[in-house]
């Protein structure tokens, strides 16, 4: 063979590559799962930031698509414009709301000793009329307890934390710097995710090349999109609505720290079932131990009024807002959602609690598909639903319908 023949390009490799045996497939699969588990455990904080970046890109995608279709901007320019607008909004919110929320939160923390004293006084007044308790020859008289000592011990647990203001400020400053760095990283990664969203369906469909499975994969991806779209964008809209309603309502009821309580209610809206309960309890506690009440009500009466308002807000949310904004996209029993929230919190903290419901709904979708395929049933029991409008569009439509009904009701009958 001559040198020129050796320098010629090699011909394509034609023999078919041998298939892996079942044991080889099992070993590779198990090794990949173990490797992914190790990576997830080792880089947990990084994965959380990547998940937040992906969620942010998904939430902003409708605005990017709107600019891409309605204007002459290219998608890359639309992405940069949307993220620049988001950065401006975030900075404005931090300046406009952050200072007031920080002051009210500090006031709320400083009132903790007053709350403890009030709780101790209420317990002492309640137990004053109780009789001694006898059990197995022993007698326990609650009236003989030294509640002053109990109050001093509780204050002793709280005051050291409240007294380390300088250390808390330094810790807060360093935590703020880390938070800003994480936000910048999330913004950058989210921009790349937003650029790849249109190609996601093609990537998944390209993996499922076997006949028939491409349609199944595309259908599953659309179902995933329906679940996450309804939940994430719906929860954002619900959080903003609850924040405004609670803030305005508590302000009208003259509850102290109403802005901080409203922000708490809005943020806890992302934690299903448990979050609204925590925000309602916080508002009632602040109202109960507030020195000045509206209409000169007693503390317990004022607390009941605030409790009634928070219950009314939650009832309006569960019966009016949630069905119209989120709908039945999750289709999960409330008990299943609560268990998923607790499991998500134990695995990934706050982020796990926030994403517990849509993750459980996604697992239900995949499990249902696999179960039906195992028994040779149609993979999807129901025909595919038409793409539902976005939560914002639905809310605007409902608002227009409400305004139209009110206008017709005010018109005099002929």
Protein backbone atom coordinates (compact mmCIF):
# COMPACT_ATOMS: atom_id res chain seq x y z
CA UNK A 1 0.00 0.00 0.00
CA UNK A 2 1.42 3.38 -0.99
CA UNK A 3 1.75 6.47 1.11
CA UNK A 4 -0.92 8.27 -0.91
CA UNK A 5 -3.35 5.47 -0.24
CA UNK A 6 -2.66 5.72 3.51
CA UNK A 7 -3.38 9.43 3.46
CA UNK A 8 -6.78 8.92 1.85
CA UNK A 9 -9.75 9.41 4.21
CA UNK A 10 -11.09 6.29 5.87
CA UNK A 11 -14.31 4.82 4.57
CA UNK A 12 -17.35 4.92 6.87
CA UNK A 13 -17.54 2.16 9.44
CA UNK A 14 -20.25 -0.12 8.04
CA UNK A 15 -20.59 -3.10 10.40
CA UNK A 16 -23.54 -2.73 12.81
CA UNK A 17 -22.57 -2.03 16.40
CA UNK A 18 -23.44 -4.97 18.67
CA UNK A 19 -26.36 -4.50 21.06
CA UNK A 20 -25.78 -4.40 24.78
CA UNK A 21 -26.89 -7.37 26.82
CA UNK A 22 -29.58 -6.98 29.48
CA UNK A 23 -27.02 -7.19 32.30
CA UNK A 24 -24.90 -4.47 30.66
CA UNK A 25 -27.95 -2.20 30.35
CA UNK A 26 -28.82 -2.77 34.02
CA UNK A 27 -25.27 -2.01 35.17
CA UNK A 28 -25.04 1.17 33.08
CA UNK A 29 -28.47 2.35 34.24
CA UNK A 30 -27.75 1.73 37.92
CA UNK A 31 -24.32 3.39 37.65
CA UNK A 32 -25.88 6.43 35.95
CA UNK A 33 -28.55 6.73 38.65
CA UNK A 34 -25.93 6.48 41.43
CA UNK A 35 -23.75 9.07 39.70
CA UNK A 36 -26.69 11.46 39.31
CA UNK A 37 -27.62 11.00 42.98
CA UNK A 38 -24.04 11.80 44.07
CA UNK A 39 -23.93 14.89 41.85
CA UNK A 40 -27.34 16.05 43.13
CA UNK A 41 -26.21 15.62 46.75
CA UNK A 42 -22.82 17.26 46.25
CA UNK A 43 -24.07 20.25 44.23
CA UNK A 44 -27.46 20.73 45.87
CA UNK A 45 -27.22 24.53 46.09
CA UNK A 46 -26.11 24.80 42.45
CA UNK A 47 -28.99 22.60 41.31
CA UNK A 48 -31.43 24.77 43.22
CA UNK A 49 -30.16 27.84 41.38
CA UNK A 50 -30.46 26.03 38.05
CA UNK A 51 -34.04 25.04 38.87
CA UNK A 52 -34.90 28.64 39.80
CA UNK A 53 -33.30 29.86 36.56
CA UNK A 54 -35.35 27.37 34.52
CA UNK A 55 -38.57 28.41 36.30
CA UNK A 56 -37.78 32.08 35.68
CA UNK A 57 -37.20 31.42 31.98
CA UNK A 58 -40.46 29.49 31.77
CA UNK A 59 -42.42 32.28 33.46
CA UNK A 60 -40.98 34.98 31.21
CA UNK A 61 -41.33 33.00 27.99
CA UNK A 62 -44.85 34.34 27.16
CA UNK A 63 -43.58 37.93 27.23
CA UNK A 64 -40.63 36.95 25.03
CA UNK A 65 -42.93 35.21 22.55
CA UNK A 66 -45.22 38.25 22.51
CA UNK A 67 -42.36 40.60 21.63
CA UNK A 68 -40.99 38.13 19.09
CA UNK A 69 -44.31 37.85 17.25
CA UNK A 70 -45.72 41.37 17.59
CA UNK A 71 -42.55 43.37 16.98
CA UNK A 72 -39.62 43.32 14.59
CA UNK A 73 -37.25 42.27 17.37
CA UNK A 74 -35.44 38.96 17.09
CA UNK A 75 -35.91 36.46 19.89
CA UNK A 76 -32.44 37.13 21.30
CA UNK A 77 -33.17 40.86 21.51
CA UNK A 78 -36.61 40.17 22.99
CA UNK A 79 -35.01 37.99 25.68
CA UNK A 80 -32.51 40.70 26.61
CA UNK A 81 -35.25 43.36 26.68
CA UNK A 82 -37.55 41.28 28.91
CA UNK A 83 -34.76 40.43 31.36
CA UNK A 84 -33.63 44.06 31.43
CA UNK A 85 -37.19 45.10 32.24
CA UNK A 86 -37.35 42.47 34.98
CA UNK A 87 -34.10 43.75 36.48
CA UNK A 88 -35.51 47.30 36.55
CA UNK A 89 -38.72 46.08 38.21
CA UNK A 90 -36.78 44.10 40.83
CA UNK A 91 -34.55 47.06 41.67
CA UNK A 92 -37.55 49.37 41.89
CA UNK A 93 -39.38 46.91 44.15
CA UNK A 94 -36.37 46.59 46.44
CA UNK A 95 -36.11 50.37 46.74
CA UNK A 96 -39.84 51.16 46.99
CA UNK A 97 -41.05 48.26 49.12
CA UNK A 98 -37.92 46.84 50.66
CA UNK A 99 -37.20 49.73 53.03
CA UNK A 100 -40.77 49.88 54.35
CA UNK A 101 -40.97 46.10 54.66
CA UNK A 102 -37.63 46.02 56.50
CA UNK A 103 -38.75 48.68 58.97
CA UNK A 104 -42.04 46.92 59.64
CA UNK A 105 -40.29 43.56 59.97
CA UNK A 106 -37.85 45.07 62.48
CA UNK A 107 -40.75 46.54 64.42
CA UNK A 108 -42.45 43.15 64.38
CA UNK A 109 -39.30 41.50 65.76
CA UNK A 110 -38.89 44.17 68.43
CA UNK A 111 -42.47 43.54 69.56
CA UNK A 112 -41.69 39.90 70.34
CA UNK A 113 -41.07 40.62 74.09
CA UNK A 114 -44.45 42.38 74.26
CA UNK A 115 -46.09 39.39 72.59
CA UNK A 116 -44.48 37.01 75.09
CA UNK A 117 -45.62 39.14 78.02
CA UNK A 118 -49.12 39.27 76.60
CA UNK A 119 -49.27 35.52 76.06
CA UNK A 120 -48.06 34.89 79.61
CA UNK A 121 -50.67 37.29 81.02
CA UNK A 122 -53.48 35.66 79.04
CA UNK A 123 -52.45 32.17 80.20
CA UNK A 124 -52.18 33.33 83.79
CA UNK A 125 -55.62 34.99 83.72
CA UNK A 126 -57.14 31.91 82.13
CA UNK A 127 -55.69 29.44 84.64
CA UNK A 128 -56.54 31.57 87.69
CA UNK A 129 -60.03 30.06 87.92
CA UNK A 130 -58.92 26.45 87.36
CA UNK A 131 -59.10 23.88 90.14
CA UNK A 132 -56.19 21.70 91.25
CA UNK A 133 -55.69 18.51 89.25
CA UNK A 134 -55.35 15.22 91.20
CA UNK A 135 -53.83 12.14 89.57
CA UNK A 136 -52.49 8.95 91.18
CA UNK A 137 -52.22 10.58 94.57
CA UNK A 138 -50.44 13.67 93.26
CA UNK A 139 -52.01 17.11 93.13
CA UNK A 140 -51.07 19.71 90.55
CA UNK A 141 -52.25 23.28 91.08
CA UNK A 142 -51.70 25.49 87.98
CA UNK A 143 -52.34 28.58 90.09
CA UNK A 144 -49.09 28.08 91.98
CA UNK A 145 -46.90 28.33 88.88
CA UNK A 146 -44.47 31.25 88.80
CA UNK A 147 -45.50 32.78 85.48
CA UNK A 148 -43.15 35.69 85.99
CA UNK A 149 -40.24 33.25 86.00
CA UNK A 150 -41.59 31.57 82.84
CA UNK A 151 -41.83 34.97 81.15
CA UNK A 152 -38.27 35.84 82.18
CA UNK A 153 -36.98 32.54 80.78
CA UNK A 154 -38.73 33.10 77.46
CA UNK A 155 -37.38 36.63 77.26
CA UNK A 156 -33.94 35.28 78.13
CA UNK A 157 -34.12 33.07 75.06
CA UNK A 158 -35.17 35.93 72.78
CA UNK A 159 -33.22 38.94 74.08
CA UNK A 160 -29.71 37.63 73.22
CA UNK A 161 -30.78 37.31 69.60
CA UNK A 162 -32.34 40.76 69.57
CA UNK A 163 -29.33 42.27 71.33
CA UNK A 164 -26.76 41.12 68.78
CA UNK A 165 -27.81 43.80 66.33
CA UNK A 166 -24.30 44.56 65.10
CA UNK A 167 -23.50 40.93 64.39
CA UNK A 168 -26.89 40.46 62.75
CA UNK A 169 -26.25 43.48 60.49
CA UNK A 170 -22.84 42.12 59.41
CA UNK A 171 -24.31 38.67 58.78
CA UNK A 172 -27.16 40.24 56.85
CA UNK A 173 -24.71 42.26 54.74
CA UNK A 174 -22.65 39.20 53.80
CA UNK A 175 -25.82 37.22 53.11
CA UNK A 176 -27.02 40.07 50.88
CA UNK A 177 -23.81 39.97 48.85
CA UNK A 178 -24.15 36.22 48.38
CA UNK A 179 -27.79 36.67 47.42
CA UNK A 180 -26.89 39.30 44.81
CA UNK A 181 -24.26 36.98 43.36
CA UNK A 182 -26.75 34.12 43.20
CA UNK A 183 -29.34 36.38 41.56
CA UNK A 184 -26.83 37.46 38.92
CA UNK A 185 -25.93 33.82 38.22
CA UNK A 186 -29.61 32.86 38.00
CA UNK A 187 -30.28 35.73 35.58
CA UNK A 188 -27.42 34.72 33.27
CA UNK A 189 -28.31 31.01 33.24
CA UNK A 190 -32.00 31.81 32.83
CA UNK A 191 -31.24 33.83 29.68
CA UNK A 192 -29.61 30.75 28.14
CA UNK A 193 -32.57 28.59 29.20
CA UNK A 194 -34.98 31.08 27.62
CA UNK A 195 -33.08 30.85 24.34
CA UNK A 196 -33.36 27.04 24.36
CA UNK A 197 -37.07 26.76 25.22
CA UNK A 198 -38.31 26.66 21.57
CA UNK A 199 -35.94 23.74 20.87
CA UNK A 200 -36.97 21.68 23.90
CA UNK A 201 -39.81 19.85 22.15
CA UNK A 202 -37.60 18.92 19.20
CA UNK A 203 -34.91 17.59 21.54
CA UNK A 204 -37.36 15.34 23.38
CA UNK A 205 -39.06 14.25 20.18
CA UNK A 206 -35.70 13.46 18.60
CA UNK A 207 -34.83 11.09 21.45
CA UNK A 208 -38.05 9.10 20.92
CA UNK A 209 -37.38 7.94 17.37
CA UNK A 210 -39.25 4.62 17.52
CA UNK A 211 -42.55 4.57 15.58
CA UNK A 212 -45.41 5.92 17.68
CA UNK A 213 -43.26 6.96 20.64
CA UNK A 214 -42.51 10.38 19.19
CA UNK A 215 -46.23 11.22 19.37
CA UNK A 216 -46.36 9.91 22.94
CA UNK A 217 -43.30 11.97 23.93
CA UNK A 218 -44.72 15.14 22.39
CA UNK A 219 -48.09 14.53 24.09
CA UNK A 220 -46.38 13.99 27.47
CA UNK A 221 -44.35 17.20 27.00
CA UNK A 222 -47.54 19.14 26.25
CA UNK A 223 -49.15 17.69 29.37
CA UNK A 224 -46.08 18.69 31.40
CA UNK A 225 -46.35 22.19 29.96
CA UNK A 226 -50.02 22.37 30.92
CA UNK A 227 -49.27 21.34 34.52
CA UNK A 228 -46.31 23.65 35.08
CA UNK A 229 -47.83 26.54 33.17
CA UNK A 230 -51.03 26.45 35.21
CA UNK A 231 -49.20 26.05 38.51
CA UNK A 232 -46.20 28.37 38.26
CA UNK A 233 -47.80 31.28 36.44
CA UNK A 234 -51.00 30.77 38.37
CA UNK A 235 -49.15 30.81 41.71
CA UNK A 236 -47.35 34.02 40.78
CA UNK A 237 -50.67 35.69 39.97
CA UNK A 238 -52.27 34.30 43.14
CA UNK A 239 -49.33 35.49 45.26
CA UNK A 240 -49.58 39.03 43.89
CA UNK A 241 -53.36 39.05 44.38
CA UNK A 242 -53.19 37.74 47.95
CA UNK A 243 -50.40 40.21 48.80
CA UNK A 244 -52.48 43.18 47.65
CA UNK A 245 -55.72 41.94 49.24
CA UNK A 246 -54.13 41.14 52.61
CA UNK A 247 -52.08 44.36 52.65
CA UNK A 248 -55.07 46.57 51.82
CA UNK A 249 -57.45 44.66 54.10
CA UNK A 250 -55.15 44.69 57.14
CA UNK A 251 -54.37 48.36 56.51
CA UNK A 252 -58.09 49.18 56.56
CA UNK A 253 -58.41 47.17 59.79
CA UNK A 254 -55.48 49.23 61.16
CA UNK A 255 -53.32 46.18 61.88
CA UNK A 256 -49.72 47.07 62.57
CA UNK A 257 -47.06 45.86 60.13
CA UNK A 258 -49.73 45.26 57.47
CA UNK A 259 -47.20 45.55 54.63
CA UNK A 260 -44.89 42.94 56.15
CA UNK A 261 -47.84 40.65 56.82
CA UNK A 262 -49.06 41.13 53.25
CA UNK A 263 -45.63 40.25 51.86
CA UNK A 264 -45.54 37.20 54.11
CA UNK A 265 -48.98 36.09 52.91
CA UNK A 266 -47.95 36.54 49.27
CA UNK A 267 -44.69 34.63 49.61
CA UNK A 268 -46.25 31.82 51.65
CA UNK A 269 -48.85 31.42 48.90
CA UNK A 270 -46.23 29.36 47.03
CA UNK A 271 -46.36 26.73 49.81
CA UNK A 272 -49.67 24.87 49.34
CA UNK A 273 -51.97 24.22 52.32
CA UNK A 274 -49.40 25.10 55.01
CA UNK A 275 -48.41 28.58 53.79
CA UNK A 276 -51.86 30.26 54.05
CA UNK A 277 -52.35 28.80 57.54
CA UNK A 278 -49.03 30.24 58.75
CA UNK A 279 -49.78 33.70 57.32
CA UNK A 280 -53.25 33.73 58.94
CA UNK A 281 -51.85 32.73 62.34
CA UNK A 282 -49.19 35.46 62.12
CA UNK A 283 -51.78 38.14 61.32
CA UNK A 284 -54.05 37.03 64.20
CA UNK A 285 -51.17 37.03 66.71
CA UNK A 286 -50.09 40.55 65.69
CA UNK A 287 -53.68 41.82 65.95
CA UNK A 288 -54.34 40.09 69.29
CA UNK A 289 -51.37 41.70 71.05
CA UNK A 290 -51.68 45.07 69.34
CA UNK A 291 -52.17 47.87 71.92
CA UNK A 292 -54.52 49.97 69.76
CA UNK A 293 -57.47 48.37 68.00
CA UNK A 294 -60.03 49.65 65.52
CA UNK A 295 -63.44 50.64 66.92
CA UNK A 296 -62.01 50.23 70.45
CA UNK A 297 -62.50 46.46 70.32
CA UNK A 298 -61.15 44.11 72.93
CA UNK A 299 -58.00 42.25 71.98
CA UNK A 300 -59.77 38.92 71.55
CA UNK A 301 -62.54 40.57 69.53
CA UNK A 302 -59.99 42.29 67.31
CA UNK A 303 -58.15 39.00 66.83
CA UNK A 304 -61.41 37.30 65.82
CA UNK A 305 -62.12 40.08 63.29
CA UNK A 306 -58.69 39.62 61.69
CA UNK A 307 -59.13 35.85 61.76
CA UNK A 308 -62.48 36.20 60.01
CA UNK A 309 -60.90 38.43 57.36
CA UNK A 310 -58.06 35.97 56.70
CA UNK A 311 -60.52 33.06 56.50
CA UNK A 312 -62.66 35.08 54.07
CA UNK A 313 -59.60 35.76 51.89
CA UNK A 314 -58.70 32.07 51.82
CA UNK A 315 -62.27 31.05 51.01
CA UNK A 316 -62.45 33.53 48.13
CA UNK A 317 -59.11 32.26 46.89
CA UNK A 318 -60.03 28.57 47.08
CA UNK A 319 -63.51 28.94 45.60
CA UNK A 320 -63.08 31.75 43.06
CA UNK A 321 -59.44 32.48 42.22
CA UNK A 322 -57.86 29.01 42.23
CA UNK A 323 -60.51 27.31 40.00
CA UNK A 324 -60.27 30.13 37.45
CA UNK A 325 -56.50 30.64 37.50
CA UNK A 326 -54.98 27.22 38.25
CA UNK A 327 -57.99 25.09 37.34
CA UNK A 328 -57.73 21.29 37.58
CA UNK A 329 -54.26 21.08 36.04
CA UNK A 330 -52.79 19.31 39.08
CA UNK A 331 -55.78 17.04 39.81
CA UNK A 332 -54.37 16.01 43.20
CA UNK A 333 -56.09 15.28 46.48
CA UNK A 334 -55.32 17.93 49.15
CA UNK A 335 -53.95 15.22 51.45
CA UNK A 336 -51.54 14.11 48.72
CA UNK A 337 -50.47 17.73 48.24
CA UNK A 338 -49.82 18.16 51.97
CA UNK A 339 -47.75 14.97 52.14
CA UNK A 340 -45.82 16.06 49.03
CA UNK A 341 -45.11 19.47 50.61
CA UNK A 342 -43.72 17.84 53.77
CA UNK A 343 -41.60 15.42 51.71
CA UNK A 344 -40.34 18.22 49.46
CA UNK A 345 -39.42 20.33 52.48
CA UNK A 346 -37.40 17.49 54.01
CA UNK A 347 -35.56 16.90 50.71
CA UNK A 348 -34.92 20.39 49.33
CA UNK A 349 -36.14 22.91 51.91
CA UNK A 350 -38.30 25.82 50.82
CA UNK A 351 -37.74 25.16 47.11
CA UNK A 352 -38.86 21.56 47.59
CA UNK A 353 -42.05 22.72 49.31
CA UNK A 354 -42.80 25.17 46.49
CA UNK A 355 -42.28 22.63 43.71
CA UNK A 356 -43.82 19.65 45.54
CA UNK A 357 -47.29 19.92 43.98
CA UNK A 358 -46.28 20.21 40.28
CA UNK A 359 -43.58 17.54 40.71
CA UNK A 360 -46.15 15.17 42.23
CA UNK A 361 -48.57 15.92 39.38
CA UNK A 362 -45.79 15.24 36.85
CA UNK A 363 -44.92 11.94 38.56
CA UNK A 364 -48.60 11.03 38.47
CA UNK A 365 -48.68 11.71 34.71
CA UNK A 366 -45.60 9.56 34.03
CA UNK A 367 -46.80 6.81 36.37
CA UNK A 368 -50.20 6.71 34.74
CA UNK A 369 -48.59 6.47 31.29
CA UNK A 370 -46.26 3.64 32.38
CA UNK A 371 -49.08 1.78 34.15
CA UNK A 372 -51.33 1.81 31.08
CA UNK A 373 -48.48 0.76 28.81
CA UNK A 374 -47.75 -2.22 31.08
CA UNK A 375 -51.30 -3.50 30.58
CA UNK A 376 -51.45 -2.67 26.85
CA UNK A 377 -54.04 0.05 27.39
CA UNK A 378 -54.21 3.34 25.49
CA UNK A 379 -51.48 5.50 27.09
CA UNK A 380 -53.79 8.48 27.50
CA UNK A 381 -57.31 7.67 28.76
CA UNK A 382 -58.80 11.01 27.75
CA UNK A 383 -58.48 13.03 24.54
CA UNK A 384 -56.01 15.88 24.67
CA UNK A 385 -57.41 19.15 25.94
CA UNK A 386 -57.13 22.28 23.90
CA UNK A 387 -54.43 24.63 25.08
CA UNK A 388 -55.92 26.76 27.82
CA UNK A 389 -55.38 30.50 27.90
CA UNK A 390 -52.85 31.90 30.31
CA UNK A 391 -53.93 32.73 33.89
CA UNK A 392 -53.59 36.46 33.22
CA UNK A 393 -55.82 36.21 30.13
CA UNK A 394 -58.40 34.24 32.09
CA UNK A 395 -58.42 36.77 34.94
CA UNK A 396 -58.80 39.70 32.51
CA UNK A 397 -61.64 37.88 30.76
CA UNK A 398 -63.41 37.24 34.06
CA UNK A 399 -62.96 40.88 35.03
CA UNK A 400 -64.49 42.07 31.77
CA UNK A 401 -67.42 39.70 32.23
CA UNK A 402 -67.94 41.01 35.77
CA UNK A 403 -67.86 44.65 34.59
CA UNK A 404 -70.33 43.82 31.80
CA UNK A 405 -72.72 42.14 34.24
CA UNK A 406 -72.56 45.08 36.63
CA UNK A 407 -73.19 47.52 33.80
CA UNK A 408 -76.23 45.59 32.65
CA UNK A 409 -77.54 45.40 36.20
CA UNK A 410 -77.31 49.18 36.65
CA UNK A 411 -79.19 49.94 33.44
CA UNK A 412 -82.88 50.77 34.09
CA UNK A 413 -85.35 48.26 32.86
CA UNK A 414 -87.58 49.36 29.99
